Amino acid sequence: MVWCRHHPIPLLACPPADRLVNQKTLLDIGLRFSTYVYMTTVSGSLRKTTHPLAASEPGTGVRPSAVPRPLIRVRPLPRPEIGFSPSSPYVLRFWTQAIGAAPTEELLRLCTAGKRRRQVLRPKFLNVLVESGVVEMRKGAIHAPFPVPALPDHLVQRLRRSERAVHDRWITLVRRRAQTAARRAS
C-alpha cells in the first residue's frame, strides 16, 4: 500500500507480487502525488520515493551538481605587468573580496594548470572568471594568467573604500619595487 506521510491512511492498494508503486504508476491512474509519499511492499517494508531531480529515469531533470563536468584544456596567458604568487596575501585578501572565495579558489587552480598546460574539470564559476576579465575562453580552451594579476579597475570598485585605499598603497609599493629592480638590472 502507498501511505501518505501526513495522514495514517492508505492512498491505494499495492499491486500484487511485491511490486512497488512508483510515481509513474500514480500518474497513470491520475492520482496527484507529492515527494512525501512513501512506498510499502506487500511484505510491509517502507521506502521513501526518490526525489524527481535525483531520479535516473530517461527524460527526468537532473540537478546541476549531478552532471559530470567535462575536462577542459588550460593554456597560459601572457605574463601580466604586475603579478602575484597564488599563495600571496594580496590574492587571498583582494581577489576573495572582489569575486568571492570559490571563484578565487578556481582562479588559483586555473593559473597553476595554465602554467603547467594541464587539463582540469570545467570550473563551476567559469562565467564569473570570464566576466571579471581574468581568464579567457578561446577555441575550447581556457587561457589563464600566471602569476595572478592585480585586480582590474572595475573589480577594485567593488571593494570597500578603506580596502580600496589599502589596495592602492599595495599596488604602488609593488610598482616601485618593480621599477627599482628594473633600474638595478640595467
N, C-alpha and C. Protein backbone atom coordinates (compact mmCIF):
# COMPACT_ATOMS: atom_id res chain seq x y z
N MET A 1 0.83 -1.19 0.00
CA MET A 1 0.00 0.00 0.00
C MET A 1 0.86 1.24 0.00
N VAL A 2 0.33 2.30 -0.51
CA VAL A 2 1.02 3.58 -0.51
C VAL A 2 0.38 4.40 0.61
N TRP A 3 1.22 4.85 1.53
CA TRP A 3 0.73 5.62 2.67
C TRP A 3 1.14 7.07 2.53
N CYS A 4 0.27 7.95 2.92
CA CYS A 4 0.58 9.37 2.93
C CYS A 4 1.43 9.66 4.15
N ARG A 5 2.40 10.54 4.01
CA ARG A 5 3.28 10.88 5.12
C ARG A 5 2.52 11.61 6.22
N HIS A 6 1.57 12.43 5.85
CA HIS A 6 0.90 13.29 6.81
C HIS A 6 -0.38 12.68 7.38
N HIS A 7 -0.93 11.65 6.73
CA HIS A 7 -2.17 11.04 7.19
C HIS A 7 -1.98 9.53 7.28
N PRO A 8 -2.41 8.89 8.35
CA PRO A 8 -2.19 7.45 8.51
C PRO A 8 -3.21 6.61 7.74
N ILE A 9 -3.48 6.96 6.47
CA ILE A 9 -4.43 6.18 5.68
C ILE A 9 -3.78 5.77 4.37
N PRO A 10 -4.13 4.57 3.87
CA PRO A 10 -3.55 4.15 2.59
C PRO A 10 -4.17 4.93 1.44
N LEU A 11 -3.36 5.28 0.45
CA LEU A 11 -3.87 6.00 -0.71
C LEU A 11 -4.41 5.07 -1.78
N LEU A 12 -3.79 3.90 -1.96
CA LEU A 12 -4.31 2.94 -2.90
C LEU A 12 -3.69 1.59 -2.65
N ALA A 13 -4.31 0.55 -3.13
CA ALA A 13 -3.81 -0.80 -2.87
C ALA A 13 -2.57 -1.06 -3.70
N CYS A 14 -1.67 -1.80 -3.11
CA CYS A 14 -0.42 -2.12 -3.79
C CYS A 14 -0.66 -3.19 -4.84
N PRO A 15 -0.01 -3.14 -5.99
CA PRO A 15 -0.12 -4.19 -6.99
C PRO A 15 0.38 -5.52 -6.43
N PRO A 16 -0.03 -6.60 -7.00
CA PRO A 16 0.35 -7.91 -6.47
C PRO A 16 1.84 -8.22 -6.65
N ALA A 17 2.27 -9.27 -6.01
CA ALA A 17 3.61 -9.86 -6.15
C ALA A 17 4.73 -8.92 -5.71
N ASP A 18 4.52 -8.23 -4.62
CA ASP A 18 5.60 -7.47 -4.00
C ASP A 18 6.15 -6.35 -4.90
N ARG A 19 5.38 -5.89 -5.89
CA ARG A 19 5.82 -4.80 -6.77
C ARG A 19 5.65 -3.47 -6.06
N LEU A 20 6.56 -2.54 -6.28
CA LEU A 20 6.44 -1.21 -5.70
C LEU A 20 5.60 -0.33 -6.60
N VAL A 21 4.80 0.52 -6.00
CA VAL A 21 4.07 1.52 -6.75
C VAL A 21 5.02 2.70 -6.88
N ASN A 22 5.30 3.12 -8.10
CA ASN A 22 6.18 4.27 -8.27
C ASN A 22 5.38 5.48 -8.72
N GLN A 23 6.04 6.60 -8.86
CA GLN A 23 5.33 7.83 -9.19
C GLN A 23 4.70 7.75 -10.57
N LYS A 24 5.31 7.02 -11.50
CA LYS A 24 4.74 6.88 -12.84
C LYS A 24 3.40 6.15 -12.77
N THR A 25 3.33 5.09 -11.97
CA THR A 25 2.07 4.36 -11.80
C THR A 25 1.00 5.28 -11.25
N LEU A 26 1.35 6.10 -10.26
CA LEU A 26 0.38 7.03 -9.67
C LEU A 26 -0.11 8.02 -10.72
N LEU A 27 0.80 8.47 -11.60
CA LEU A 27 0.40 9.40 -12.65
C LEU A 27 -0.52 8.72 -13.66
N ASP A 28 -0.22 7.43 -13.98
CA ASP A 28 -1.02 6.70 -14.95
C ASP A 28 -2.47 6.58 -14.51
N ILE A 29 -2.69 6.45 -13.21
CA ILE A 29 -4.07 6.31 -12.74
C ILE A 29 -4.68 7.66 -12.39
N GLY A 30 -3.94 8.74 -12.62
CA GLY A 30 -4.47 10.08 -12.43
C GLY A 30 -4.47 10.56 -11.00
N LEU A 31 -3.64 9.98 -10.16
CA LEU A 31 -3.59 10.39 -8.76
C LEU A 31 -2.49 11.43 -8.58
N ARG A 32 -2.81 12.53 -7.96
CA ARG A 32 -1.78 13.52 -7.65
C ARG A 32 -0.92 12.99 -6.52
N PHE A 33 0.36 13.35 -6.56
CA PHE A 33 1.27 12.89 -5.52
C PHE A 33 2.20 14.02 -5.15
N SER A 34 2.83 13.85 -4.00
CA SER A 34 3.88 14.78 -3.60
C SER A 34 5.15 13.97 -3.40
N THR A 35 6.27 14.65 -3.19
CA THR A 35 7.52 13.92 -2.96
C THR A 35 7.55 13.31 -1.57
N TYR A 36 6.50 13.54 -0.78
CA TYR A 36 6.45 12.99 0.57
C TYR A 36 5.73 11.65 0.65
N VAL A 37 5.31 11.10 -0.47
CA VAL A 37 4.60 9.82 -0.45
C VAL A 37 5.60 8.71 -0.22
N TYR A 38 5.27 7.80 0.70
CA TYR A 38 6.11 6.65 0.98
C TYR A 38 5.57 5.44 0.26
N MET A 39 6.43 4.50 -0.09
CA MET A 39 6.03 3.28 -0.76
C MET A 39 6.16 2.12 0.22
N THR A 40 5.18 1.21 0.21
CA THR A 40 5.30 -0.01 1.00
C THR A 40 5.08 -1.19 0.08
N THR A 41 5.73 -2.29 0.38
CA THR A 41 5.54 -3.51 -0.39
C THR A 41 4.53 -4.38 0.35
N VAL A 42 4.14 -5.51 -0.27
CA VAL A 42 3.21 -6.42 0.37
C VAL A 42 3.79 -6.94 1.67
N SER A 43 5.12 -7.11 1.71
CA SER A 43 5.76 -7.62 2.92
C SER A 43 5.76 -6.57 4.03
N GLY A 44 5.41 -5.34 3.72
CA GLY A 44 5.30 -4.31 4.74
C GLY A 44 6.51 -3.42 4.89
N SER A 45 7.57 -3.62 4.08
CA SER A 45 8.74 -2.75 4.19
C SER A 45 8.39 -1.36 3.65
N LEU A 46 8.93 -0.35 4.28
CA LEU A 46 8.60 1.04 3.94
C LEU A 46 9.79 1.68 3.24
N ARG A 47 9.53 2.42 2.18
CA ARG A 47 10.59 3.08 1.44
C ARG A 47 10.08 4.41 0.94
N LYS A 48 10.91 5.45 1.07
CA LYS A 48 10.53 6.77 0.57
C LYS A 48 10.85 6.84 -0.92
N THR A 49 10.00 7.50 -1.68
CA THR A 49 10.24 7.64 -3.11
C THR A 49 11.45 8.53 -3.35
N THR A 50 12.06 8.38 -4.49
CA THR A 50 13.20 9.24 -4.82
C THR A 50 12.69 10.60 -5.24
N HIS A 51 13.49 11.59 -4.98
CA HIS A 51 13.14 12.95 -5.39
C HIS A 51 13.22 13.03 -6.91
N PRO A 52 12.28 13.72 -7.57
CA PRO A 52 12.30 13.76 -9.04
C PRO A 52 13.60 14.29 -9.63
N LEU A 53 14.28 15.21 -8.95
CA LEU A 53 15.51 15.76 -9.51
C LEU A 53 16.67 14.79 -9.41
N ALA A 54 16.57 13.81 -8.52
CA ALA A 54 17.63 12.83 -8.39
C ALA A 54 17.30 11.54 -9.14
N ALA A 55 16.16 11.49 -9.80
CA ALA A 55 15.75 10.28 -10.49
C ALA A 55 16.66 9.99 -11.66
N SER A 56 16.80 8.71 -11.96
CA SER A 56 17.69 8.32 -13.05
C SER A 56 16.94 7.85 -14.28
N GLU A 57 15.63 8.00 -14.33
CA GLU A 57 14.86 7.59 -15.49
C GLU A 57 15.11 8.55 -16.64
N PRO A 58 15.10 8.05 -17.88
CA PRO A 58 15.31 8.95 -19.02
C PRO A 58 14.25 10.04 -19.08
N GLY A 59 14.67 11.23 -19.42
CA GLY A 59 13.73 12.33 -19.56
C GLY A 59 13.46 13.10 -18.28
N THR A 60 13.99 12.64 -17.16
CA THR A 60 13.79 13.39 -15.93
C THR A 60 14.88 14.43 -15.77
N GLY A 61 14.58 15.50 -15.06
CA GLY A 61 15.57 16.54 -14.81
C GLY A 61 16.61 16.06 -13.82
N VAL A 62 17.81 16.54 -13.96
CA VAL A 62 18.89 16.17 -13.06
C VAL A 62 19.47 17.44 -12.48
N ARG A 63 19.75 17.42 -11.19
CA ARG A 63 20.32 18.60 -10.55
C ARG A 63 21.69 18.89 -11.16
N PRO A 64 22.08 20.16 -11.26
CA PRO A 64 23.35 20.53 -11.94
C PRO A 64 24.57 19.86 -11.33
N SER A 65 24.59 19.62 -10.01
CA SER A 65 25.76 19.02 -9.39
C SER A 65 25.90 17.55 -9.74
N ALA A 66 24.84 16.93 -10.29
CA ALA A 66 24.92 15.52 -10.65
C ALA A 66 25.45 15.30 -12.06
N VAL A 67 25.52 16.36 -12.85
CA VAL A 67 26.00 16.24 -14.22
C VAL A 67 27.53 16.27 -14.21
N PRO A 68 28.19 15.28 -14.83
CA PRO A 68 29.66 15.28 -14.84
C PRO A 68 30.20 16.47 -15.63
N ARG A 69 31.23 17.11 -15.08
CA ARG A 69 31.84 18.25 -15.76
C ARG A 69 32.91 17.75 -16.72
N PRO A 70 32.97 18.34 -17.92
CA PRO A 70 33.98 17.89 -18.89
C PRO A 70 35.37 18.43 -18.56
N LEU A 71 36.38 17.76 -19.09
CA LEU A 71 37.76 18.24 -18.97
C LEU A 71 37.98 19.33 -20.01
N ILE A 72 38.67 20.37 -19.60
CA ILE A 72 38.97 21.50 -20.49
C ILE A 72 40.47 21.79 -20.41
N ARG A 73 41.07 22.04 -21.57
CA ARG A 73 42.49 22.40 -21.61
C ARG A 73 42.68 23.81 -21.05
N VAL A 74 43.79 24.02 -20.36
CA VAL A 74 44.13 25.34 -19.84
C VAL A 74 45.46 25.74 -20.43
N ARG A 75 45.50 26.92 -21.02
CA ARG A 75 46.71 27.46 -21.64
C ARG A 75 47.10 28.75 -20.94
N PRO A 76 48.39 29.10 -20.96
CA PRO A 76 48.82 30.32 -20.27
C PRO A 76 48.50 31.58 -21.08
N LEU A 77 48.18 32.64 -20.38
CA LEU A 77 48.07 33.97 -20.97
C LEU A 77 49.43 34.64 -20.85
N PRO A 78 49.67 35.69 -21.61
CA PRO A 78 50.93 36.43 -21.43
C PRO A 78 51.07 36.93 -19.99
N ARG A 79 52.30 37.00 -19.54
CA ARG A 79 52.58 37.42 -18.16
C ARG A 79 52.04 38.83 -17.91
N PRO A 80 51.29 39.01 -16.81
CA PRO A 80 50.75 40.34 -16.52
C PRO A 80 51.85 41.31 -16.09
N GLU A 81 51.56 42.61 -16.22
CA GLU A 81 52.52 43.65 -15.82
C GLU A 81 52.88 43.49 -14.34
N ILE A 82 51.87 43.38 -13.51
CA ILE A 82 52.07 43.17 -12.08
C ILE A 82 51.41 41.83 -11.74
N GLY A 83 52.18 40.91 -11.19
CA GLY A 83 51.64 39.60 -10.87
C GLY A 83 51.99 39.20 -9.45
N PHE A 84 51.17 38.31 -8.90
CA PHE A 84 51.34 37.85 -7.53
C PHE A 84 51.32 36.34 -7.50
N SER A 85 52.10 35.78 -6.61
CA SER A 85 52.11 34.34 -6.41
C SER A 85 50.71 33.89 -5.96
N PRO A 86 50.27 32.69 -6.35
CA PRO A 86 48.95 32.23 -5.90
C PRO A 86 48.80 32.17 -4.38
N SER A 87 49.90 32.03 -3.66
CA SER A 87 49.82 31.98 -2.20
C SER A 87 50.00 33.36 -1.56
N SER A 88 50.07 34.40 -2.36
CA SER A 88 50.28 35.76 -1.85
C SER A 88 49.09 36.23 -1.02
N PRO A 89 49.35 36.98 0.04
CA PRO A 89 48.24 37.57 0.82
C PRO A 89 47.38 38.52 -0.02
N TYR A 90 47.98 39.13 -1.05
CA TYR A 90 47.22 40.01 -1.94
C TYR A 90 46.06 39.26 -2.59
N VAL A 91 46.38 38.07 -3.12
CA VAL A 91 45.36 37.27 -3.79
C VAL A 91 44.26 36.88 -2.82
N LEU A 92 44.64 36.40 -1.66
CA LEU A 92 43.64 35.96 -0.69
C LEU A 92 42.80 37.11 -0.18
N ARG A 93 43.39 38.27 -0.03
CA ARG A 93 42.65 39.40 0.52
C ARG A 93 41.75 40.09 -0.51
N PHE A 94 42.34 40.48 -1.64
CA PHE A 94 41.59 41.33 -2.57
C PHE A 94 40.77 40.54 -3.60
N TRP A 95 41.32 39.48 -4.16
CA TRP A 95 40.54 38.70 -5.12
C TRP A 95 39.34 38.05 -4.44
N THR A 96 39.53 37.57 -3.22
CA THR A 96 38.41 36.96 -2.50
C THR A 96 37.31 37.97 -2.24
N GLN A 97 37.67 39.18 -1.88
CA GLN A 97 36.65 40.22 -1.65
C GLN A 97 35.95 40.62 -2.94
N ALA A 98 36.68 40.62 -4.04
CA ALA A 98 36.11 41.11 -5.29
C ALA A 98 35.19 40.10 -5.97
N ILE A 99 35.59 38.82 -6.01
CA ILE A 99 34.77 37.84 -6.75
C ILE A 99 34.26 36.69 -5.89
N GLY A 100 34.72 36.57 -4.66
CA GLY A 100 34.24 35.51 -3.78
C GLY A 100 35.29 34.43 -3.57
N ALA A 101 35.06 33.60 -2.57
CA ALA A 101 36.04 32.57 -2.19
C ALA A 101 36.13 31.44 -3.20
N ALA A 102 34.98 30.90 -3.62
CA ALA A 102 35.00 29.76 -4.54
C ALA A 102 35.58 30.13 -5.92
N PRO A 103 35.16 31.26 -6.51
CA PRO A 103 35.81 31.64 -7.78
C PRO A 103 37.31 31.92 -7.65
N THR A 104 37.72 32.47 -6.51
CA THR A 104 39.15 32.72 -6.30
C THR A 104 39.92 31.41 -6.23
N GLU A 105 39.35 30.43 -5.55
CA GLU A 105 39.99 29.12 -5.47
C GLU A 105 40.12 28.50 -6.86
N GLU A 106 39.08 28.63 -7.67
CA GLU A 106 39.15 28.11 -9.04
C GLU A 106 40.15 28.90 -9.89
N LEU A 107 40.24 30.20 -9.66
CA LEU A 107 41.23 31.02 -10.38
C LEU A 107 42.64 30.51 -10.08
N LEU A 108 42.93 30.23 -8.81
CA LEU A 108 44.26 29.75 -8.44
C LEU A 108 44.54 28.39 -9.09
N ARG A 109 43.53 27.53 -9.12
CA ARG A 109 43.68 26.22 -9.76
C ARG A 109 43.94 26.38 -11.26
N LEU A 110 43.22 27.32 -11.90
CA LEU A 110 43.42 27.55 -13.34
C LEU A 110 44.78 28.16 -13.63
N CYS A 111 45.24 29.07 -12.80
CA CYS A 111 46.56 29.69 -13.00
C CYS A 111 47.66 28.64 -12.95
N THR A 112 47.58 27.75 -11.97
CA THR A 112 48.58 26.69 -11.85
C THR A 112 48.49 25.72 -13.02
N ALA A 113 47.27 25.36 -13.42
CA ALA A 113 47.09 24.45 -14.56
C ALA A 113 47.56 25.09 -15.86
N GLY A 114 47.36 26.40 -16.01
CA GLY A 114 47.81 27.10 -17.20
C GLY A 114 49.33 27.13 -17.30
N LYS A 115 49.97 27.30 -16.18
CA LYS A 115 51.44 27.30 -16.16
C LYS A 115 51.97 25.94 -16.59
N ARG A 116 51.28 24.88 -16.18
CA ARG A 116 51.73 23.51 -16.49
C ARG A 116 51.08 22.93 -17.74
N ARG A 117 50.17 23.71 -18.38
CA ARG A 117 49.45 23.28 -19.58
C ARG A 117 48.72 21.96 -19.34
N ARG A 118 47.92 21.93 -18.31
CA ARG A 118 47.17 20.74 -17.92
C ARG A 118 45.70 20.89 -18.25
N GLN A 119 44.97 19.78 -18.14
CA GLN A 119 43.52 19.80 -18.27
C GLN A 119 42.91 19.80 -16.87
N VAL A 120 41.77 20.46 -16.74
CA VAL A 120 41.05 20.49 -15.47
C VAL A 120 39.57 20.27 -15.76
N LEU A 121 38.84 19.90 -14.71
CA LEU A 121 37.39 19.85 -14.85
C LEU A 121 36.88 21.26 -15.06
N ARG A 122 35.85 21.41 -15.89
CA ARG A 122 35.29 22.73 -16.15
C ARG A 122 34.91 23.39 -14.83
N PRO A 123 35.46 24.59 -14.55
CA PRO A 123 35.14 25.26 -13.29
C PRO A 123 33.66 25.62 -13.19
N LYS A 124 33.12 25.49 -11.99
CA LYS A 124 31.71 25.83 -11.78
C LYS A 124 31.49 27.34 -11.92
N PHE A 125 32.50 28.12 -11.61
CA PHE A 125 32.37 29.58 -11.65
C PHE A 125 33.14 30.18 -12.82
N LEU A 126 33.21 29.45 -13.92
CA LEU A 126 33.93 29.94 -15.10
C LEU A 126 33.32 31.25 -15.61
N ASN A 127 31.99 31.36 -15.56
CA ASN A 127 31.35 32.59 -16.02
C ASN A 127 31.79 33.80 -15.20
N VAL A 128 31.97 33.64 -13.90
CA VAL A 128 32.41 34.75 -13.04
C VAL A 128 33.83 35.16 -13.43
N LEU A 129 34.69 34.18 -13.68
CA LEU A 129 36.08 34.48 -14.02
C LEU A 129 36.20 35.13 -15.39
N VAL A 130 35.38 34.69 -16.35
CA VAL A 130 35.41 35.30 -17.68
C VAL A 130 34.85 36.71 -17.63
N GLU A 131 33.74 36.91 -16.91
CA GLU A 131 33.14 38.25 -16.81
C GLU A 131 34.07 39.23 -16.09
N SER A 132 34.86 38.73 -15.15
CA SER A 132 35.79 39.63 -14.45
C SER A 132 36.99 39.98 -15.31
N GLY A 133 37.20 39.25 -16.40
CA GLY A 133 38.28 39.56 -17.32
C GLY A 133 39.61 38.93 -16.95
N VAL A 134 39.64 38.05 -15.98
CA VAL A 134 40.90 37.47 -15.55
C VAL A 134 41.28 36.24 -16.39
N VAL A 135 40.29 35.50 -16.89
CA VAL A 135 40.57 34.38 -17.79
C VAL A 135 39.80 34.59 -19.09
N GLU A 136 40.23 33.90 -20.14
CA GLU A 136 39.58 34.00 -21.45
C GLU A 136 39.28 32.61 -21.98
N MET A 137 38.20 32.51 -22.74
CA MET A 137 37.87 31.26 -23.44
C MET A 137 38.16 31.46 -24.91
N ARG A 138 39.05 30.63 -25.46
CA ARG A 138 39.37 30.70 -26.89
C ARG A 138 39.52 29.29 -27.43
N LYS A 139 38.78 29.00 -28.50
CA LYS A 139 38.89 27.71 -29.20
C LYS A 139 38.77 26.52 -28.26
N GLY A 140 37.81 26.57 -27.36
CA GLY A 140 37.55 25.44 -26.47
C GLY A 140 38.55 25.27 -25.35
N ALA A 141 39.42 26.25 -25.15
CA ALA A 141 40.41 26.18 -24.08
C ALA A 141 40.29 27.42 -23.20
N ILE A 142 40.63 27.24 -21.94
CA ILE A 142 40.67 28.36 -21.00
C ILE A 142 42.08 28.91 -21.02
N HIS A 143 42.21 30.21 -21.14
CA HIS A 143 43.53 30.86 -21.08
C HIS A 143 43.60 31.62 -19.76
N ALA A 144 44.52 31.18 -18.89
CA ALA A 144 44.64 31.73 -17.55
C ALA A 144 46.03 32.33 -17.35
N PRO A 145 46.13 33.40 -16.58
CA PRO A 145 47.43 34.03 -16.34
C PRO A 145 48.22 33.32 -15.25
N PHE A 146 49.53 33.45 -15.32
CA PHE A 146 50.39 33.07 -14.21
C PHE A 146 51.56 34.04 -14.22
N PRO A 147 51.84 34.71 -13.16
CA PRO A 147 51.19 34.71 -11.85
C PRO A 147 49.84 35.42 -11.90
N VAL A 148 49.16 35.44 -10.76
CA VAL A 148 47.83 36.04 -10.67
C VAL A 148 47.97 37.55 -10.85
N PRO A 149 47.20 38.15 -11.76
CA PRO A 149 47.34 39.59 -12.00
C PRO A 149 46.71 40.43 -10.88
N ALA A 150 47.03 41.71 -10.90
CA ALA A 150 46.38 42.64 -9.97
C ALA A 150 44.92 42.79 -10.38
N LEU A 151 44.10 43.20 -9.44
CA LEU A 151 42.67 43.40 -9.74
C LEU A 151 42.47 44.44 -10.83
N PRO A 152 41.62 44.18 -11.82
CA PRO A 152 41.28 45.22 -12.79
C PRO A 152 40.50 46.34 -12.11
N ASP A 153 40.48 47.51 -12.72
CA ASP A 153 39.83 48.68 -12.11
C ASP A 153 38.36 48.45 -11.79
N HIS A 154 37.63 47.75 -12.67
CA HIS A 154 36.20 47.56 -12.39
C HIS A 154 35.96 46.66 -11.19
N LEU A 155 36.92 45.80 -10.85
CA LEU A 155 36.78 44.98 -9.64
C LEU A 155 37.26 45.72 -8.40
N VAL A 156 38.21 46.63 -8.58
CA VAL A 156 38.66 47.45 -7.44
C VAL A 156 37.49 48.28 -6.92
N GLN A 157 36.60 48.69 -7.81
CA GLN A 157 35.44 49.49 -7.40
C GLN A 157 34.48 48.71 -6.51
N ARG A 158 34.55 47.39 -6.52
CA ARG A 158 33.69 46.57 -5.66
C ARG A 158 34.14 46.57 -4.21
N LEU A 159 35.40 46.92 -3.98
CA LEU A 159 35.95 46.91 -2.63
C LEU A 159 35.40 48.07 -1.81
N ARG A 160 35.38 47.88 -0.49
CA ARG A 160 35.01 48.99 0.40
C ARG A 160 36.05 50.11 0.26
N ARG A 161 35.66 51.32 0.62
CA ARG A 161 36.54 52.47 0.46
C ARG A 161 37.86 52.27 1.20
N SER A 162 37.81 51.76 2.43
CA SER A 162 39.04 51.55 3.20
C SER A 162 39.92 50.48 2.54
N GLU A 163 39.30 49.45 1.99
CA GLU A 163 40.07 48.40 1.31
C GLU A 163 40.66 48.91 0.00
N ARG A 164 39.93 49.81 -0.68
CA ARG A 164 40.48 50.41 -1.90
C ARG A 164 41.75 51.19 -1.61
N ALA A 165 41.76 51.90 -0.50
CA ALA A 165 42.95 52.68 -0.12
C ALA A 165 44.13 51.74 0.16
N VAL A 166 43.87 50.65 0.87
CA VAL A 166 44.92 49.68 1.15
C VAL A 166 45.41 49.05 -0.16
N HIS A 167 44.47 48.73 -1.05
CA HIS A 167 44.82 48.13 -2.34
C HIS A 167 45.70 49.08 -3.14
N ASP A 168 45.35 50.36 -3.19
CA ASP A 168 46.15 51.35 -3.94
C ASP A 168 47.57 51.46 -3.38
N ARG A 169 47.70 51.47 -2.05
CA ARG A 169 49.03 51.52 -1.44
C ARG A 169 49.84 50.27 -1.80
N TRP A 170 49.18 49.11 -1.77
CA TRP A 170 49.84 47.85 -2.09
C TRP A 170 50.35 47.86 -3.52
N ILE A 171 49.53 48.28 -4.47
CA ILE A 171 49.91 48.31 -5.88
C ILE A 171 51.04 49.32 -6.10
N THR A 172 50.96 50.48 -5.46
CA THR A 172 52.01 51.49 -5.58
C THR A 172 53.35 50.93 -5.10
N LEU A 173 53.33 50.23 -3.98
CA LEU A 173 54.55 49.65 -3.43
C LEU A 173 55.13 48.59 -4.39
N VAL A 174 54.27 47.76 -4.96
CA VAL A 174 54.74 46.71 -5.89
C VAL A 174 55.32 47.35 -7.15
N ARG A 175 54.71 48.41 -7.66
CA ARG A 175 55.23 49.10 -8.86
C ARG A 175 56.59 49.73 -8.57
N ARG A 176 56.74 50.34 -7.40
CA ARG A 176 58.04 50.94 -7.04
C ARG A 176 59.12 49.88 -6.98
N ARG A 177 58.79 48.73 -6.36
CA ARG A 177 59.77 47.65 -6.28
C ARG A 177 60.15 47.14 -7.67
N ALA A 178 59.18 47.04 -8.57
CA ALA A 178 59.46 46.59 -9.93
C ALA A 178 60.34 47.59 -10.66
N GLN A 179 60.09 48.89 -10.48
CA GLN A 179 60.92 49.92 -11.12
C GLN A 179 62.33 49.90 -10.57
N THR A 180 62.46 49.72 -9.26
CA THR A 180 63.78 49.65 -8.63
C THR A 180 64.56 48.46 -9.14
N ALA A 181 63.90 47.32 -9.25
CA ALA A 181 64.55 46.11 -9.76
C ALA A 181 64.96 46.28 -11.21
N ALA A 182 64.14 46.98 -12.01
CA ALA A 182 64.48 47.21 -13.43
C ALA A 182 65.67 48.13 -13.56
N ARG A 183 65.76 49.16 -12.69
CA ARG A 183 66.90 50.08 -12.72
C ARG A 183 68.19 49.35 -12.36
N ARG A 184 68.12 48.47 -11.34
CA ARG A 184 69.30 47.74 -10.91
C ARG A 184 69.77 46.76 -11.99
N ALA A 185 68.82 46.19 -12.72
CA ALA A 185 69.17 45.22 -13.75
C ALA A 185 69.82 45.89 -14.96
N SER A 186 69.51 47.16 -15.22
CA SER A 186 70.08 47.83 -16.38
C SER A 186 71.33 48.58 -16.08
